[in-house]
Amino acid sequence: MNIELIVVGKTDSAEVTKLVEMYSGRINFFVKFAINIVPDIKNSKNLSQNQQKQLEGEAILKRLSTGDRVVLLDEKGKEYTSVEFAAQIERIMSSGVKKLCFVIGGPYGFSEEVYARADAKISLSRMTFSHQIVRAIFTEQLYRAYTILNNTPYHHS
């Protein structure tokens, strides 16, 4: 199985980028992992929030294939402990899915079309994080999930 993290826009923080790169490298030890960056919408200041979500949504949907399993990182999604998240990853791996796509939307969330395409929604916390910092938090949790599944000393229960 391959895992792809689809994100809207580049991060403007060198520190966040460095953390994401570090955890991405660690994840690739266990599974093929890639980050797919949807370019920021041009002239977004002239667009409403809904117009911006719509354009971002169209760009996200273009990056998905028919057989992909799509999981949105969304504040209204289901919350998991790290161990529960690892179990979900294991369940998806054993289901025969070829590509698992996690999606982090832009600052205003997702369009209705992206919600309709999603197979699941997960939340990292009841708190709100910037869509940029979520990249670092999520890649760390994905790495943690694989260390749990492989009994690698990283996660402490």
N, C-alpha and C. Protein backbone atom coordinates (compact mmCIF):
# COMPACT_ATOMS: atom_id res chain seq x y z
N MET A 1 0.84 -1.18 0.00
CA MET A 1 0.00 0.00 0.00
C MET A 1 0.88 1.24 0.00
N ASN A 2 0.44 2.26 -0.71
CA ASN A 2 1.09 3.56 -0.72
C ASN A 2 0.22 4.54 0.07
N ILE A 3 0.87 5.48 0.72
CA ILE A 3 0.15 6.52 1.44
C ILE A 3 0.55 7.87 0.87
N GLU A 4 -0.46 8.69 0.65
CA GLU A 4 -0.21 10.04 0.15
C GLU A 4 -0.91 11.03 1.06
N LEU A 5 -0.22 12.10 1.36
CA LEU A 5 -0.79 13.21 2.12
C LEU A 5 -0.98 14.36 1.14
N ILE A 6 -2.23 14.73 0.91
CA ILE A 6 -2.55 15.83 0.02
C ILE A 6 -2.80 17.05 0.89
N VAL A 7 -2.09 18.14 0.59
CA VAL A 7 -2.20 19.36 1.39
C VAL A 7 -2.42 20.55 0.45
N VAL A 8 -3.13 21.56 0.95
CA VAL A 8 -3.38 22.76 0.17
C VAL A 8 -2.34 23.81 0.55
N GLY A 9 -1.58 24.26 -0.44
CA GLY A 9 -0.62 25.34 -0.25
C GLY A 9 0.68 24.91 0.38
N LYS A 10 1.71 25.68 0.09
CA LYS A 10 3.02 25.43 0.69
C LYS A 10 3.04 26.04 2.08
N THR A 11 3.86 25.47 2.93
CA THR A 11 4.03 26.06 4.26
C THR A 11 5.08 27.16 4.17
N ASP A 12 4.87 28.20 4.94
CA ASP A 12 5.83 29.31 4.95
C ASP A 12 6.77 29.22 6.15
N SER A 13 6.75 28.09 6.82
CA SER A 13 7.59 27.90 8.01
C SER A 13 8.67 26.86 7.72
N ALA A 14 9.91 27.29 7.78
CA ALA A 14 11.03 26.36 7.57
C ALA A 14 11.05 25.28 8.64
N GLU A 15 10.66 25.63 9.87
CA GLU A 15 10.66 24.67 10.96
C GLU A 15 9.62 23.57 10.73
N VAL A 16 8.42 23.95 10.30
CA VAL A 16 7.38 22.96 10.00
C VAL A 16 7.83 22.07 8.85
N THR A 17 8.37 22.67 7.81
CA THR A 17 8.86 21.91 6.66
C THR A 17 9.90 20.89 7.09
N LYS A 18 10.82 21.29 7.95
CA LYS A 18 11.88 20.40 8.43
C LYS A 18 11.30 19.21 9.20
N LEU A 19 10.33 19.47 10.07
CA LEU A 19 9.69 18.39 10.83
C LEU A 19 8.96 17.42 9.89
N VAL A 20 8.21 17.97 8.95
CA VAL A 20 7.47 17.13 8.01
C VAL A 20 8.45 16.27 7.20
N GLU A 21 9.53 16.85 6.75
CA GLU A 21 10.53 16.08 5.99
C GLU A 21 11.15 14.99 6.85
N MET A 22 11.44 15.30 8.11
CA MET A 22 12.03 14.30 9.00
C MET A 22 11.09 13.10 9.17
N TYR A 23 9.82 13.38 9.51
CA TYR A 23 8.88 12.28 9.72
C TYR A 23 8.54 11.56 8.42
N SER A 24 8.51 12.28 7.31
CA SER A 24 8.27 11.63 6.02
C SER A 24 9.35 10.61 5.73
N GLY A 25 10.59 10.97 5.98
CA GLY A 25 11.70 10.03 5.79
C GLY A 25 11.56 8.81 6.67
N ARG A 26 11.15 9.02 7.90
CA ARG A 26 10.96 7.90 8.82
C ARG A 26 9.80 7.00 8.39
N ILE A 27 8.71 7.61 7.91
CA ILE A 27 7.55 6.83 7.43
C ILE A 27 7.96 5.97 6.25
N ASN A 28 8.77 6.51 5.36
CA ASN A 28 9.20 5.78 4.16
C ASN A 28 10.01 4.54 4.48
N PHE A 29 10.50 4.43 5.69
CA PHE A 29 11.17 3.20 6.12
C PHE A 29 10.18 2.05 6.16
N PHE A 30 8.90 2.36 6.48
CA PHE A 30 7.86 1.35 6.65
C PHE A 30 6.96 1.18 5.42
N VAL A 31 6.67 2.28 4.73
CA VAL A 31 5.69 2.27 3.65
C VAL A 31 6.03 3.41 2.69
N LYS A 32 5.66 3.25 1.42
CA LYS A 32 5.90 4.33 0.46
C LYS A 32 4.96 5.48 0.79
N PHE A 33 5.55 6.65 1.07
CA PHE A 33 4.81 7.82 1.51
C PHE A 33 5.23 9.03 0.68
N ALA A 34 4.23 9.81 0.26
CA ALA A 34 4.51 11.01 -0.53
C ALA A 34 3.57 12.13 -0.09
N ILE A 35 4.03 13.34 -0.28
CA ILE A 35 3.21 14.51 -0.02
C ILE A 35 2.92 15.19 -1.35
N ASN A 36 1.65 15.47 -1.59
CA ASN A 36 1.18 16.09 -2.82
C ASN A 36 0.63 17.47 -2.45
N ILE A 37 1.30 18.52 -2.92
CA ILE A 37 0.90 19.88 -2.56
C ILE A 37 0.02 20.47 -3.65
N VAL A 38 -1.20 20.85 -3.25
CA VAL A 38 -2.12 21.56 -4.14
C VAL A 38 -1.71 23.03 -4.07
N PRO A 39 -1.40 23.66 -5.20
CA PRO A 39 -0.98 25.07 -5.15
C PRO A 39 -2.05 25.97 -4.55
N ASP A 40 -1.58 27.01 -3.86
CA ASP A 40 -2.51 28.02 -3.33
C ASP A 40 -3.32 28.60 -4.48
N ILE A 41 -4.55 28.97 -4.19
CA ILE A 41 -5.42 29.60 -5.18
C ILE A 41 -4.94 31.02 -5.42
N LYS A 42 -4.77 31.37 -6.69
CA LYS A 42 -4.33 32.72 -7.02
C LYS A 42 -5.48 33.70 -6.81
N ASN A 43 -5.15 34.92 -6.40
CA ASN A 43 -6.12 36.00 -6.18
C ASN A 43 -7.21 35.60 -5.18
N SER A 44 -6.84 34.82 -4.18
CA SER A 44 -7.84 34.34 -3.22
C SER A 44 -8.47 35.48 -2.41
N LYS A 45 -7.78 36.61 -2.32
CA LYS A 45 -8.35 37.74 -1.58
C LYS A 45 -9.60 38.28 -2.24
N ASN A 46 -9.74 38.01 -3.55
CA ASN A 46 -10.91 38.47 -4.29
C ASN A 46 -12.03 37.44 -4.31
N LEU A 47 -11.84 36.33 -3.60
CA LEU A 47 -12.82 35.25 -3.61
C LEU A 47 -13.48 35.09 -2.25
N SER A 48 -14.72 34.63 -2.25
CA SER A 48 -15.39 34.31 -0.99
C SER A 48 -14.79 33.02 -0.45
N GLN A 49 -15.08 32.71 0.81
CA GLN A 49 -14.60 31.46 1.41
C GLN A 49 -15.13 30.26 0.63
N ASN A 50 -16.40 30.31 0.23
CA ASN A 50 -16.98 29.19 -0.52
C ASN A 50 -16.33 29.04 -1.89
N GLN A 51 -16.05 30.15 -2.57
CA GLN A 51 -15.37 30.07 -3.87
C GLN A 51 -13.98 29.48 -3.71
N GLN A 52 -13.27 29.88 -2.66
CA GLN A 52 -11.94 29.35 -2.41
C GLN A 52 -12.01 27.85 -2.13
N LYS A 53 -12.95 27.42 -1.28
CA LYS A 53 -13.11 25.98 -0.99
C LYS A 53 -13.45 25.22 -2.26
N GLN A 54 -14.28 25.79 -3.11
CA GLN A 54 -14.68 25.13 -4.35
C GLN A 54 -13.46 24.91 -5.26
N LEU A 55 -12.65 25.93 -5.44
CA LEU A 55 -11.47 25.81 -6.30
C LEU A 55 -10.44 24.84 -5.71
N GLU A 56 -10.24 24.93 -4.42
CA GLU A 56 -9.32 23.98 -3.76
C GLU A 56 -9.86 22.56 -3.90
N GLY A 57 -11.17 22.42 -3.72
CA GLY A 57 -11.80 21.10 -3.84
C GLY A 57 -11.61 20.49 -5.21
N GLU A 58 -11.77 21.28 -6.25
CA GLU A 58 -11.57 20.79 -7.62
C GLU A 58 -10.13 20.30 -7.80
N ALA A 59 -9.18 21.06 -7.25
CA ALA A 59 -7.77 20.67 -7.37
C ALA A 59 -7.47 19.40 -6.58
N ILE A 60 -8.10 19.25 -5.42
CA ILE A 60 -7.91 18.03 -4.61
C ILE A 60 -8.46 16.82 -5.36
N LEU A 61 -9.68 16.96 -5.87
CA LEU A 61 -10.34 15.83 -6.56
C LEU A 61 -9.56 15.37 -7.79
N LYS A 62 -8.86 16.27 -8.47
CA LYS A 62 -8.05 15.91 -9.63
C LYS A 62 -6.88 15.01 -9.25
N ARG A 63 -6.49 15.05 -8.00
CA ARG A 63 -5.35 14.26 -7.53
C ARG A 63 -5.74 12.87 -7.05
N LEU A 64 -7.03 12.58 -7.04
CA LEU A 64 -7.52 11.30 -6.54
C LEU A 64 -7.91 10.38 -7.69
N SER A 65 -7.65 9.08 -7.49
CA SER A 65 -8.06 8.07 -8.46
C SER A 65 -9.25 7.30 -7.90
N THR A 66 -9.91 6.58 -8.77
CA THR A 66 -11.14 5.87 -8.40
C THR A 66 -10.95 4.92 -7.22
N GLY A 67 -9.88 4.13 -7.19
CA GLY A 67 -9.71 3.13 -6.14
C GLY A 67 -9.08 3.64 -4.86
N ASP A 68 -8.73 4.92 -4.81
CA ASP A 68 -8.08 5.47 -3.61
C ASP A 68 -9.05 5.50 -2.43
N ARG A 69 -8.52 5.19 -1.27
CA ARG A 69 -9.28 5.38 -0.02
C ARG A 69 -8.92 6.77 0.47
N VAL A 70 -9.93 7.61 0.71
CA VAL A 70 -9.72 9.02 1.02
C VAL A 70 -10.18 9.31 2.45
N VAL A 71 -9.26 9.84 3.25
CA VAL A 71 -9.55 10.20 4.64
C VAL A 71 -9.24 11.69 4.81
N LEU A 72 -10.26 12.45 5.20
CA LEU A 72 -10.07 13.88 5.43
C LEU A 72 -9.66 14.13 6.87
N LEU A 73 -8.72 15.02 7.07
CA LEU A 73 -8.40 15.49 8.41
C LEU A 73 -9.33 16.68 8.65
N ASP A 74 -10.31 16.48 9.50
CA ASP A 74 -11.41 17.42 9.64
C ASP A 74 -11.81 17.52 11.11
N GLU A 75 -12.09 18.72 11.55
CA GLU A 75 -12.43 18.92 12.97
C GLU A 75 -13.69 18.17 13.38
N LYS A 76 -14.53 17.79 12.42
CA LYS A 76 -15.75 17.05 12.75
C LYS A 76 -15.56 15.53 12.60
N GLY A 77 -14.32 15.13 12.38
CA GLY A 77 -14.04 13.71 12.20
C GLY A 77 -13.95 12.96 13.51
N LYS A 78 -13.77 11.66 13.38
CA LYS A 78 -13.65 10.78 14.55
C LYS A 78 -12.26 10.94 15.16
N GLU A 79 -12.21 10.96 16.48
CA GLU A 79 -10.93 11.05 17.19
C GLU A 79 -10.47 9.66 17.58
N TYR A 80 -9.16 9.44 17.49
CA TYR A 80 -8.54 8.17 17.85
C TYR A 80 -7.38 8.42 18.80
N THR A 81 -7.10 7.44 19.64
CA THR A 81 -5.81 7.44 20.32
C THR A 81 -4.77 7.01 19.29
N SER A 82 -3.52 7.13 19.61
CA SER A 82 -2.48 6.69 18.68
C SER A 82 -2.57 5.20 18.38
N VAL A 83 -2.86 4.41 19.40
CA VAL A 83 -2.99 2.96 19.22
C VAL A 83 -4.21 2.64 18.36
N GLU A 84 -5.31 3.32 18.58
CA GLU A 84 -6.50 3.10 17.75
C GLU A 84 -6.25 3.51 16.30
N PHE A 85 -5.54 4.61 16.10
CA PHE A 85 -5.20 5.06 14.75
C PHE A 85 -4.34 4.01 14.05
N ALA A 86 -3.36 3.47 14.76
CA ALA A 86 -2.51 2.42 14.20
C ALA A 86 -3.36 1.22 13.78
N ALA A 87 -4.33 0.85 14.60
CA ALA A 87 -5.22 -0.27 14.28
C ALA A 87 -6.03 0.02 13.02
N GLN A 88 -6.45 1.26 12.85
CA GLN A 88 -7.18 1.64 11.64
C GLN A 88 -6.29 1.52 10.41
N ILE A 89 -5.06 1.96 10.52
CA ILE A 89 -4.10 1.83 9.42
C ILE A 89 -3.92 0.36 9.06
N GLU A 90 -3.76 -0.48 10.08
CA GLU A 90 -3.58 -1.91 9.85
C GLU A 90 -4.80 -2.52 9.16
N ARG A 91 -5.99 -2.12 9.58
CA ARG A 91 -7.23 -2.62 8.98
C ARG A 91 -7.30 -2.22 7.50
N ILE A 92 -6.95 -0.99 7.20
CA ILE A 92 -6.97 -0.52 5.81
C ILE A 92 -5.93 -1.27 4.98
N MET A 93 -4.74 -1.47 5.56
CA MET A 93 -3.68 -2.20 4.84
C MET A 93 -4.15 -3.61 4.49
N SER A 94 -4.82 -4.27 5.40
CA SER A 94 -5.23 -5.66 5.17
C SER A 94 -6.46 -5.75 4.27
N SER A 95 -7.10 -4.61 3.97
CA SER A 95 -8.29 -4.63 3.11
C SER A 95 -7.93 -4.67 1.62
N GLY A 96 -6.66 -4.51 1.30
CA GLY A 96 -6.25 -4.57 -0.10
C GLY A 96 -6.23 -3.23 -0.82
N VAL A 97 -6.43 -2.14 -0.08
CA VAL A 97 -6.37 -0.81 -0.69
C VAL A 97 -4.96 -0.56 -1.21
N LYS A 98 -4.85 -0.07 -2.44
CA LYS A 98 -3.53 0.18 -3.01
C LYS A 98 -2.98 1.55 -2.59
N LYS A 99 -3.88 2.55 -2.50
CA LYS A 99 -3.42 3.88 -2.11
C LYS A 99 -4.38 4.50 -1.11
N LEU A 100 -3.81 4.93 0.01
CA LEU A 100 -4.55 5.60 1.07
C LEU A 100 -4.16 7.07 1.03
N CYS A 101 -5.14 7.93 0.84
CA CYS A 101 -4.90 9.37 0.74
C CYS A 101 -5.50 10.09 1.95
N PHE A 102 -4.65 10.77 2.67
CA PHE A 102 -5.10 11.65 3.74
C PHE A 102 -5.07 13.06 3.16
N VAL A 103 -6.08 13.88 3.50
CA VAL A 103 -6.18 15.21 2.91
C VAL A 103 -6.32 16.26 4.01
N ILE A 104 -5.44 17.26 3.92
CA ILE A 104 -5.53 18.43 4.79
C ILE A 104 -5.97 19.59 3.91
N GLY A 105 -7.12 20.16 4.22
CA GLY A 105 -7.67 21.24 3.41
C GLY A 105 -7.00 22.57 3.71
N GLY A 106 -7.52 23.58 3.05
CA GLY A 106 -7.05 24.94 3.26
C GLY A 106 -7.65 25.53 4.52
N PRO A 107 -7.47 26.82 4.72
CA PRO A 107 -7.91 27.46 5.96
C PRO A 107 -9.43 27.44 6.18
N TYR A 108 -10.21 27.24 5.14
CA TYR A 108 -11.67 27.24 5.28
C TYR A 108 -12.28 25.85 5.18
N GLY A 109 -11.46 24.83 5.12
CA GLY A 109 -11.98 23.47 5.09
C GLY A 109 -12.17 22.95 3.68
N PHE A 110 -13.18 22.08 3.51
CA PHE A 110 -13.38 21.35 2.26
C PHE A 110 -14.69 21.74 1.59
N SER A 111 -14.73 21.58 0.29
CA SER A 111 -15.97 21.77 -0.46
C SER A 111 -16.89 20.57 -0.23
N GLU A 112 -18.15 20.72 -0.55
CA GLU A 112 -19.12 19.62 -0.41
C GLU A 112 -18.72 18.43 -1.28
N GLU A 113 -18.13 18.70 -2.44
CA GLU A 113 -17.73 17.62 -3.35
C GLU A 113 -16.60 16.78 -2.74
N VAL A 114 -15.69 17.41 -2.03
CA VAL A 114 -14.61 16.67 -1.37
C VAL A 114 -15.19 15.84 -0.23
N TYR A 115 -16.10 16.43 0.55
CA TYR A 115 -16.76 15.65 1.61
C TYR A 115 -17.48 14.43 1.02
N ALA A 116 -18.13 14.62 -0.12
CA ALA A 116 -18.87 13.51 -0.75
C ALA A 116 -17.93 12.41 -1.22
N ARG A 117 -16.72 12.76 -1.64
CA ARG A 117 -15.76 11.77 -2.14
C ARG A 117 -15.06 11.02 -1.01
N ALA A 118 -15.03 11.60 0.17
CA ALA A 118 -14.28 11.02 1.30
C ALA A 118 -14.90 9.72 1.78
N ASP A 119 -14.03 8.80 2.17
CA ASP A 119 -14.45 7.54 2.78
C ASP A 119 -14.54 7.66 4.29
N ALA A 120 -13.81 8.61 4.86
CA ALA A 120 -13.81 8.78 6.31
C ALA A 120 -13.26 10.17 6.64
N LYS A 121 -13.52 10.59 7.89
CA LYS A 121 -12.97 11.84 8.41
C LYS A 121 -12.38 11.53 9.77
N ILE A 122 -11.19 12.06 10.02
CA ILE A 122 -10.60 11.93 11.34
C ILE A 122 -10.23 13.31 11.86
N SER A 123 -10.23 13.43 13.17
CA SER A 123 -9.84 14.66 13.82
C SER A 123 -8.62 14.37 14.68
N LEU A 124 -7.65 15.26 14.63
CA LEU A 124 -6.46 15.09 15.46
C LEU A 124 -6.69 15.59 16.88
N SER A 125 -7.70 16.44 17.05
CA SER A 125 -7.97 17.02 18.36
C SER A 125 -9.27 17.81 18.27
N ARG A 126 -9.86 18.06 19.40
CA ARG A 126 -11.00 18.97 19.43
C ARG A 126 -10.53 20.41 19.32
N MET A 127 -9.25 20.64 19.50
CA MET A 127 -8.68 21.98 19.33
C MET A 127 -8.49 22.25 17.84
N THR A 128 -8.38 23.53 17.49
CA THR A 128 -8.13 23.91 16.10
C THR A 128 -6.65 24.22 15.94
N PHE A 129 -6.06 23.66 14.88
CA PHE A 129 -4.66 23.93 14.54
C PHE A 129 -4.62 24.57 13.15
N SER A 130 -3.58 25.32 12.86
CA SER A 130 -3.44 25.86 11.51
C SER A 130 -3.25 24.69 10.55
N HIS A 131 -3.71 24.86 9.31
CA HIS A 131 -3.59 23.77 8.34
C HIS A 131 -2.13 23.47 8.03
N GLN A 132 -1.22 24.38 8.38
CA GLN A 132 0.20 24.12 8.15
C GLN A 132 0.79 23.26 9.28
N ILE A 133 0.50 23.60 10.52
CA ILE A 133 1.08 22.84 11.64
C ILE A 133 0.51 21.43 11.70
N VAL A 134 -0.72 21.25 11.19
CA VAL A 134 -1.33 19.92 11.15
C VAL A 134 -0.45 18.95 10.36
N ARG A 135 0.25 19.45 9.37
CA ARG A 135 1.14 18.59 8.57
C ARG A 135 2.18 17.91 9.45
N ALA A 136 2.79 18.68 10.34
CA ALA A 136 3.81 18.12 11.23
C ALA A 136 3.18 17.17 12.24
N ILE A 137 2.05 17.57 12.82
CA ILE A 137 1.39 16.72 13.80
C ILE A 137 0.96 15.41 13.16
N PHE A 138 0.36 15.50 11.97
CA PHE A 138 -0.14 14.28 11.33
C PHE A 138 1.00 13.35 10.91
N THR A 139 2.06 13.90 10.31
CA THR A 139 3.15 13.01 9.88
C THR A 139 3.79 12.33 11.09
N GLU A 140 3.87 13.04 12.22
CA GLU A 140 4.39 12.39 13.43
C GLU A 140 3.47 11.26 13.86
N GLN A 141 2.16 11.47 13.81
CA GLN A 141 1.22 10.44 14.23
C GLN A 141 1.23 9.25 13.27
N LEU A 142 1.41 9.50 12.00
CA LEU A 142 1.50 8.40 11.03
C LEU A 142 2.77 7.59 11.28
N TYR A 143 3.87 8.27 11.54
CA TYR A 143 5.11 7.57 11.90
C TYR A 143 4.90 6.76 13.18
N ARG A 144 4.27 7.37 14.18
CA ARG A 144 4.00 6.69 15.44
C ARG A 144 3.16 5.43 15.20
N ALA A 145 2.15 5.54 14.33
CA ALA A 145 1.30 4.39 14.03
C ALA A 145 2.13 3.23 13.48
N TYR A 146 3.04 3.52 12.59
CA TYR A 146 3.86 2.45 12.02
C TYR A 146 4.84 1.88 13.04
N THR A 147 5.32 2.71 13.96
CA THR A 147 6.20 2.15 15.01
C THR A 147 5.41 1.24 15.94
N ILE A 148 4.15 1.59 16.19
CA ILE A 148 3.29 0.74 17.02
C ILE A 148 3.05 -0.58 16.31
N LEU A 149 2.72 -0.53 15.02
CA LEU A 149 2.43 -1.74 14.26
C LEU A 149 3.65 -2.65 14.11
N ASN A 150 4.84 -2.06 14.15
CA ASN A 150 6.07 -2.83 13.97
C ASN A 150 6.84 -3.04 15.26
N ASN A 151 6.21 -2.73 16.39
CA ASN A 151 6.85 -2.92 17.70
C ASN A 151 8.22 -2.26 17.79
N THR A 152 8.33 -1.07 17.21
CA THR A 152 9.56 -0.32 17.25
C THR A 152 9.53 0.61 18.48
N PRO A 153 10.59 0.68 19.22
CA PRO A 153 10.56 1.51 20.43
C PRO A 153 10.48 3.01 20.10
N TYR A 154 9.32 3.54 20.17
CA TYR A 154 9.07 4.98 19.98
C TYR A 154 7.88 5.39 20.83
N HIS A 155 6.78 4.66 20.67
CA HIS A 155 5.56 4.95 21.42
C HIS A 155 5.62 4.29 22.79
N HIS A 156 5.23 5.03 23.80
CA HIS A 156 5.18 4.50 25.17
C HIS A 156 3.75 4.53 25.66
N SER A 157 3.23 3.39 26.05
CA SER A 157 1.84 3.31 26.54
C SER A 157 1.79 3.57 28.02
